[in-house]
Every structure is written in structure tokens, then in C-alpha cells.
PDB file of all heavy atoms in Angstrom:
ATOM      1  N   ALA A   1       0.824  -1.187   0.021  1.00  0.00           N
ATOM      2  CA  ALA A   1      -0.004  -0.054   0.052  1.00  0.00           C
ATOM      3  C   ALA A   1       0.898   1.226  -0.022  1.00  0.00           C
ATOM      4  O   ALA A   1       1.961   1.210   0.579  1.00  0.00           O
ATOM      5  CB  ALA A   1      -0.919   0.009   1.170  1.00  0.00           C
ATOM      6  N   ASP A   2       0.421   2.305  -0.591  1.00  0.00           N
ATOM      7  CA  ASP A   2       1.246   3.459  -0.737  1.00  0.00           C
ATOM      8  C   ASP A   2       1.628   4.018   0.654  1.00  0.00           C
ATOM      9  O   ASP A   2       2.750   4.566   0.866  1.00  0.00           O
ATOM     10  CB  ASP A   2       0.504   4.620  -1.532  1.00  0.00           C
ATOM     11  CG  ASP A   2       0.445   4.268  -2.959  1.00  0.00           C
ATOM     12  OD1 ASP A   2       1.168   3.423  -3.528  1.00  0.00           O
ATOM     13  OD2 ASP A   2      -0.429   4.942  -3.681  1.00  0.00           O
ATOM     14  N   SER A   3       0.701   3.849   1.634  1.00  0.00           N
ATOM     15  CA  SER A   3       1.010   4.417   2.913  1.00  0.00           C
ATOM     16  C   SER A   3       2.082   3.815   3.680  1.00  0.00           C
ATOM     17  O   SER A   3       2.551   4.238   4.701  1.00  0.00           O
ATOM     18  CB  SER A   3      -0.305   4.322   3.742  1.00  0.00           C
ATOM     19  OG  SER A   3      -0.716   2.896   3.935  1.00  0.00           O
ATOM     20  N   VAL A   4       2.540   2.626   3.299  1.00  0.00           N
ATOM     21  CA  VAL A   4       3.609   1.912   3.988  1.00  0.00           C
ATOM     22  C   VAL A   4       4.908   1.637   3.142  1.00  0.00           C
ATOM     23  O   VAL A   4       5.807   1.018   3.682  1.00  0.00           O
ATOM     24  CB  VAL A   4       3.060   0.540   4.599  1.00  0.00           C
ATOM     25  CG1 VAL A   4       1.894   0.675   5.347  1.00  0.00           C
ATOM     26  CG2 VAL A   4       2.907  -0.462   3.442  1.00  0.00           C
ATOM     27  N   LYS A   5       4.788   2.058   1.875  1.00  0.00           N
ATOM     28  CA  LYS A   5       6.006   1.727   1.049  1.00  0.00           C
ATOM     29  C   LYS A   5       7.170   2.382   1.645  1.00  0.00           C
ATOM     30  O   LYS A   5       7.238   3.592   2.188  1.00  0.00           O
ATOM     31  CB  LYS A   5       5.760   2.338  -0.364  1.00  0.00           C
ATOM     32  CG  LYS A   5       4.859   1.503  -1.247  1.00  0.00           C
ATOM     33  CD  LYS A   5       4.759   2.160  -2.640  1.00  0.00           C
ATOM     34  CE  LYS A   5       3.813   1.267  -3.631  1.00  0.00           C
ATOM     35  NZ  LYS A   5       3.506   1.780  -4.780  1.00  0.00           N
ATOM     36  N   GLY A   6       8.371   1.738   1.628  1.00  0.00           N
ATOM     37  CA  GLY A   6       9.590   2.240   2.017  1.00  0.00           C
ATOM     38  C   GLY A   6       9.753   2.013   3.631  1.00  0.00           C
ATOM     39  O   GLY A   6      10.752   2.253   4.101  1.00  0.00           O
ATOM     40  N   ARG A   7       8.651   1.595   4.286  1.00  0.00           N
ATOM     41  CA  ARG A   7       8.739   1.445   5.665  1.00  0.00           C
ATOM     42  C   ARG A   7       8.518  -0.022   6.217  1.00  0.00           C
ATOM     43  O   ARG A   7       9.008  -0.427   7.114  1.00  0.00           O
ATOM     44  CB  ARG A   7       7.650   2.406   6.458  1.00  0.00           C
ATOM     45  CG  ARG A   7       7.850   3.812   6.090  1.00  0.00           C
ATOM     46  CD  ARG A   7       6.975   4.760   7.022  1.00  0.00           C
ATOM     47  NE  ARG A   7       5.594   4.476   6.758  1.00  0.00           N
ATOM     48  CZ  ARG A   7       4.739   3.970   7.604  1.00  0.00           C
ATOM     49  NH1 ARG A   7       5.163   3.812   8.847  1.00  0.00           N
ATOM     50  NH2 ARG A   7       3.428   3.707   7.279  1.00  0.00           N
ATOM     51  N   PHE A   8       7.602  -0.656   5.518  1.00  0.00           N
ATOM     52  CA  PHE A   8       7.281  -1.991   5.789  1.00  0.00           C
ATOM     53  C   PHE A   8       7.843  -2.995   4.738  1.00  0.00           C
ATOM     54  O   PHE A   8       8.056  -2.731   3.542  1.00  0.00           O
ATOM     55  CB  PHE A   8       5.753  -2.193   5.759  1.00  0.00           C
ATOM     56  CG  PHE A   8       4.928  -1.561   6.852  1.00  0.00           C
ATOM     57  CD1 PHE A   8       5.579  -0.591   7.715  1.00  0.00           C
ATOM     58  CD2 PHE A   8       3.638  -1.792   7.055  1.00  0.00           C
ATOM     59  CE1 PHE A   8       4.957  -0.023   8.691  1.00  0.00           C
ATOM     60  CE2 PHE A   8       2.877  -1.278   8.106  1.00  0.00           C
ATOM     61  CZ  PHE A   8       3.591  -0.373   8.873  1.00  0.00           C
ATOM     62  N   THR A   9       8.188  -4.234   5.225  1.00  0.00           N
ATOM     63  CA  THR A   9       8.817  -5.313   4.418  1.00  0.00           C
ATOM     64  C   THR A   9       8.015  -6.514   4.717  1.00  0.00           C
ATOM     65  O   THR A   9       8.114  -7.080   5.854  1.00  0.00           O
ATOM     66  CB  THR A   9      10.297  -5.427   4.626  1.00  0.00           C
ATOM     67  OG1 THR A   9      10.955  -4.170   4.284  1.00  0.00           O
ATOM     68  CG2 THR A   9      10.824  -6.496   3.679  1.00  0.00           C
ATOM     69  N   ILE A  10       7.375  -7.202   3.655  1.00  0.00           N
ATOM     70  CA  ILE A  10       6.841  -8.415   3.821  1.00  0.00           C
ATOM     71  C   ILE A  10       7.849  -9.543   3.320  1.00  0.00           C
ATOM     72  O   ILE A  10       8.560  -9.261   2.319  1.00  0.00           O
ATOM     73  CB  ILE A  10       5.422  -8.597   3.063  1.00  0.00           C
ATOM     74  CG1 ILE A  10       4.756  -9.753   3.290  1.00  0.00           C
ATOM     75  CG2 ILE A  10       5.665  -8.287   1.656  1.00  0.00           C
ATOM     76  CD1 ILE A  10       3.365  -9.890   2.804  1.00  0.00           C
ATOM     77  N   SER A  11       7.829 -10.674   4.084  1.00  0.00           N
ATOM     78  CA  SER A  11       8.606 -11.752   3.566  1.00  0.00           C
ATOM     79  C   SER A  11       7.815 -13.143   3.970  1.00  0.00           C
ATOM     80  O   SER A  11       6.998 -13.114   4.690  1.00  0.00           O
ATOM     81  CB  SER A  11       9.880 -11.765   4.306  1.00  0.00           C
ATOM     82  OG  SER A  11       9.844 -11.787   5.677  1.00  0.00           O
ATOM     83  N   ARG A  12       8.309 -14.187   3.378  1.00  0.00           N
ATOM     84  CA  ARG A  12       7.674 -15.495   3.739  1.00  0.00           C
ATOM     85  C   ARG A  12       8.869 -16.441   3.847  1.00  0.00           C
ATOM     86  O   ARG A  12       9.797 -16.469   3.043  1.00  0.00           O
ATOM     87  CB  ARG A  12       6.601 -15.803   2.675  1.00  0.00           C
ATOM     88  CG  ARG A  12       7.089 -16.067   1.245  1.00  0.00           C
ATOM     89  CD  ARG A  12       5.889 -16.134   0.260  1.00  0.00           C
ATOM     90  NE  ARG A  12       5.260 -17.509   0.365  1.00  0.00           N
ATOM     91  CZ  ARG A  12       4.157 -17.748  -0.333  1.00  0.00           C
ATOM     92  NH1 ARG A  12       3.528 -16.776  -1.003  1.00  0.00           N
ATOM     93  NH2 ARG A  12       3.539 -18.857  -0.228  1.00  0.00           N
ATOM     94  N   ASP A  13       8.656 -17.385   4.683  1.00  0.00           N
ATOM     95  CA  ASP A  13       9.549 -18.603   4.829  1.00  0.00           C
ATOM     96  C   ASP A  13       8.673 -19.858   4.458  1.00  0.00           C
ATOM     97  O   ASP A  13       7.865 -20.251   5.456  1.00  0.00           O
ATOM     98  CB  ASP A  13      10.133 -18.650   6.208  1.00  0.00           C
ATOM     99  CG  ASP A  13      11.163 -19.814   6.272  1.00  0.00           C
ATOM    100  OD1 ASP A  13      11.092 -20.780   5.595  1.00  0.00           O
ATOM    101  OD2 ASP A  13      12.002 -19.631   7.157  1.00  0.00           O
ATOM    102  N   ASN A  14       8.670 -20.357   3.201  1.00  0.00           N
ATOM    103  CA  ASN A  14       7.749 -21.362   2.937  1.00  0.00           C
ATOM    104  C   ASN A  14       8.035 -22.675   3.632  1.00  0.00           C
ATOM    105  O   ASN A  14       7.240 -23.510   3.971  1.00  0.00           O
ATOM    106  CB  ASN A  14       7.866 -21.774   1.472  1.00  0.00           C
ATOM    107  CG  ASN A  14       7.240 -20.616   0.676  1.00  0.00           C
ATOM    108  OD1 ASN A  14       6.349 -19.920   1.020  1.00  0.00           O
ATOM    109  ND2 ASN A  14       8.022 -20.209  -0.549  1.00  0.00           N
ATOM    110  N   ALA A  15       9.266 -22.822   4.107  1.00  0.00           N
ATOM    111  CA  ALA A  15       9.693 -24.110   4.817  1.00  0.00           C
ATOM    112  C   ALA A  15       9.115 -24.130   6.348  1.00  0.00           C
ATOM    113  O   ALA A  15       8.850 -25.109   6.809  1.00  0.00           O
ATOM    114  CB  ALA A  15      11.285 -24.111   5.004  1.00  0.00           C
ATOM    115  N   LYS A  16       8.882 -22.880   6.778  1.00  0.00           N
ATOM    116  CA  LYS A  16       8.282 -22.729   8.046  1.00  0.00           C
ATOM    117  C   LYS A  16       6.851 -22.381   8.116  1.00  0.00           C
ATOM    118  O   LYS A  16       6.304 -22.222   9.089  1.00  0.00           O
ATOM    119  CB  LYS A  16       9.094 -21.659   8.940  1.00  0.00           C
ATOM    120  CG  LYS A  16      10.525 -22.092   9.218  1.00  0.00           C
ATOM    121  CD  LYS A  16      11.146 -20.957  10.089  1.00  0.00           C
ATOM    122  CE  LYS A  16      12.668 -21.366  10.374  1.00  0.00           C
ATOM    123  NZ  LYS A  16      13.321 -20.269  11.257  1.00  0.00           N
ATOM    124  N   ASN A  17       6.285 -22.363   6.920  1.00  0.00           N
ATOM    125  CA  ASN A  17       4.923 -21.905   6.741  1.00  0.00           C
ATOM    126  C   ASN A  17       4.438 -20.664   7.413  1.00  0.00           C
ATOM    127  O   ASN A  17       3.546 -20.486   8.017  1.00  0.00           O
ATOM    128  CB  ASN A  17       3.903 -23.001   7.341  1.00  0.00           C
ATOM    129  CG  ASN A  17       4.263 -24.416   6.593  1.00  0.00           C
ATOM    130  OD1 ASN A  17       4.613 -24.423   5.486  1.00  0.00           O
ATOM    131  ND2 ASN A  17       4.128 -25.554   7.281  1.00  0.00           N
ATOM    132  N   THR A  18       5.345 -19.624   7.358  1.00  0.00           N
ATOM    133  CA  THR A  18       5.321 -18.466   8.056  1.00  0.00           C
ATOM    134  C   THR A  18       5.560 -17.298   7.156  1.00  0.00           C
ATOM    135  O   THR A  18       6.365 -17.296   6.280  1.00  0.00           O
ATOM    136  CB  THR A  18       6.275 -18.356   9.211  1.00  0.00           C
ATOM    137  OG1 THR A  18       6.075 -19.505  10.053  1.00  0.00           O
ATOM    138  CG2 THR A  18       6.149 -17.150  10.032  1.00  0.00           C
ATOM    139  N   VAL A  19       4.668 -16.185   7.408  1.00  0.00           N
ATOM    140  CA  VAL A  19       4.835 -14.978   6.658  1.00  0.00           C
ATOM    141  C   VAL A  19       5.129 -13.892   7.737  1.00  0.00           C
ATOM    142  O   VAL A  19       4.591 -13.865   8.799  1.00  0.00           O
ATOM    143  CB  VAL A  19       3.465 -14.653   5.877  1.00  0.00           C
ATOM    144  CG1 VAL A  19       3.669 -13.277   5.148  1.00  0.00           C
ATOM    145  CG2 VAL A  19       3.145 -15.697   4.950  1.00  0.00           C
ATOM    146  N   TYR A  20       5.959 -12.894   7.444  1.00  0.00           N
ATOM    147  CA  TYR A  20       6.432 -11.913   8.328  1.00  0.00           C
ATOM    148  C   TYR A  20       6.114 -10.526   7.661  1.00  0.00           C
ATOM    149  O   TYR A  20       5.920 -10.334   6.576  1.00  0.00           O
ATOM    150  CB  TYR A  20       7.889 -11.973   8.600  1.00  0.00           C
ATOM    151  CG  TYR A  20       8.361 -13.261   8.993  1.00  0.00           C
ATOM    152  CD1 TYR A  20       8.907 -14.274   8.206  1.00  0.00           C
ATOM    153  CD2 TYR A  20       8.287 -13.565  10.316  1.00  0.00           C
ATOM    154  CE1 TYR A  20       9.330 -15.468   8.574  1.00  0.00           C
ATOM    155  CE2 TYR A  20       8.780 -14.829  10.907  1.00  0.00           C
ATOM    156  CZ  TYR A  20       9.348 -15.834   9.959  1.00  0.00           C
ATOM    157  OH  TYR A  20       9.793 -16.994  10.421  1.00  0.00           O
ATOM    158  N   LEU A  21       5.960  -9.585   8.610  1.00  0.00           N
ATOM    159  CA  LEU A  21       5.829  -8.174   8.228  1.00  0.00           C
ATOM    160  C   LEU A  21       6.733  -7.377   9.163  1.00  0.00           C
ATOM    161  O   LEU A  21       6.505  -7.133  10.413  1.00  0.00           O
ATOM    162  CB  LEU A  21       4.404  -7.689   8.423  1.00  0.00           C
ATOM    163  CG  LEU A  21       4.186  -6.207   7.909  1.00  0.00           C
ATOM    164  CD1 LEU A  21       4.292  -6.179   6.424  1.00  0.00           C
ATOM    165  CD2 LEU A  21       2.779  -5.698   8.310  1.00  0.00           C
ATOM    166  N   GLN A  22       7.889  -6.884   8.617  1.00  0.00           N
ATOM    167  CA  GLN A  22       8.808  -6.043   9.296  1.00  0.00           C
ATOM    168  C   GLN A  22       8.265  -4.553   9.240  1.00  0.00           C
ATOM    169  O   GLN A  22       8.248  -4.172   8.052  1.00  0.00           O
ATOM    170  CB  GLN A  22      10.233  -6.244   8.850  1.00  0.00           C
ATOM    171  CG  GLN A  22      11.187  -5.322   9.544  1.00  0.00           C
ATOM    172  CD  GLN A  22      11.431  -5.684  11.042  1.00  0.00           C
ATOM    173  OE1 GLN A  22      11.610  -6.782  11.301  1.00  0.00           O
ATOM    174  NE2 GLN A  22      11.361  -4.667  11.864  1.00  0.00           N
ATOM    175  N   MET A  23       8.017  -3.934  10.217  1.00  0.00           N
ATOM    176  CA  MET A  23       7.571  -2.578  10.235  1.00  0.00           C
ATOM    177  C   MET A  23       8.615  -1.634  10.885  1.00  0.00           C
ATOM    178  O   MET A  23       8.946  -1.892  12.018  1.00  0.00           O
ATOM    179  CB  MET A  23       6.161  -2.415  10.951  1.00  0.00           C
ATOM    180  CG  MET A  23       5.177  -3.385  10.380  1.00  0.00           C
ATOM    181  SD  MET A  23       3.589  -3.293  11.307  1.00  0.00           S
ATOM    182  CE  MET A  23       4.006  -3.766  12.881  1.00  0.00           C
ATOM    183  N   SER A  24       8.850  -0.622  10.133  1.00  0.00           N
ATOM    184  CA  SER A  24       9.865   0.556  10.741  1.00  0.00           C
ATOM    185  C   SER A  24       9.305   1.815  10.516  1.00  0.00           C
ATOM    186  O   SER A  24       8.206   2.012   9.789  1.00  0.00           O
ATOM    187  CB  SER A  24      11.244   0.362   9.913  1.00  0.00           C
ATOM    188  OG  SER A  24      11.696  -1.024   9.983  1.00  0.00           O
ATOM    189  N   SER A  25       9.918   2.840  11.188  1.00  0.00           N
ATOM    190  CA  SER A  25       9.412   4.197  11.029  1.00  0.00           C
ATOM    191  C   SER A  25       7.875   4.280  11.326  1.00  0.00           C
ATOM    192  O   SER A  25       7.158   4.886  10.494  1.00  0.00           O
ATOM    193  CB  SER A  25       9.787   4.770   9.698  1.00  0.00           C
ATOM    194  OG  SER A  25      11.182   4.670   9.529  1.00  0.00           O
ATOM    195  N   LEU A  26       7.519   3.577  12.328  1.00  0.00           N
ATOM    196  CA  LEU A  26       6.064   3.541  12.592  1.00  0.00           C
ATOM    197  C   LEU A  26       5.463   4.781  12.941  1.00  0.00           C
ATOM    198  O   LEU A  26       6.121   5.685  13.606  1.00  0.00           O
ATOM    199  CB  LEU A  26       5.717   2.471  13.737  1.00  0.00           C
ATOM    200  CG  LEU A  26       5.877   0.979  13.193  1.00  0.00           C
ATOM    201  CD1 LEU A  26       5.988   0.103  14.339  1.00  0.00           C
ATOM    202  CD2 LEU A  26       4.613   0.668  12.481  1.00  0.00           C
ATOM    203  N   LYS A  27       4.216   5.019  12.439  1.00  0.00           N
ATOM    204  CA  LYS A  27       3.487   6.299  12.666  1.00  0.00           C
ATOM    205  C   LYS A  27       2.270   6.072  13.513  1.00  0.00           C
ATOM    206  O   LYS A  27       1.668   4.844  13.480  1.00  0.00           O
ATOM    207  CB  LYS A  27       3.115   6.903  11.318  1.00  0.00           C
ATOM    208  CG  LYS A  27       4.290   7.264  10.486  1.00  0.00           C
ATOM    209  CD  LYS A  27       3.800   7.672   9.120  1.00  0.00           C
ATOM    210  CE  LYS A  27       4.948   7.924   8.179  1.00  0.00           C
ATOM    211  NZ  LYS A  27       4.520   8.410   6.823  1.00  0.00           N
ATOM    212  N   PRO A  28       1.790   7.000  14.232  1.00  0.00           N
ATOM    213  CA  PRO A  28       0.413   6.740  14.976  1.00  0.00           C
ATOM    214  C   PRO A  28      -0.620   6.219  14.033  1.00  0.00           C
ATOM    215  O   PRO A  28      -1.518   5.384  14.466  1.00  0.00           O
ATOM    216  CB  PRO A  28       0.130   8.202  15.439  1.00  0.00           C
ATOM    217  CG  PRO A  28       1.422   8.750  15.674  1.00  0.00           C
ATOM    218  CD  PRO A  28       2.295   8.321  14.481  1.00  0.00           C
TER     219      PRO A  28
END
């Protein structure tokens, strides 16, 4: 989403059946 570009990073580990969301520069 435009509102999170450059601040959030999504990743997935298929071997662990897990999806992650790394969030930085968080805003209210």
C-alpha cells in the first residue's frame, strides 16, 4: 500500500509456513 511503502517489508518462509511483516518508522 502506498501508505507503507519504504517502511514495511513483507517476507515469507515457505519451509516454516510463516509470513512476516517487518515494520519500521512506525506512525500513529
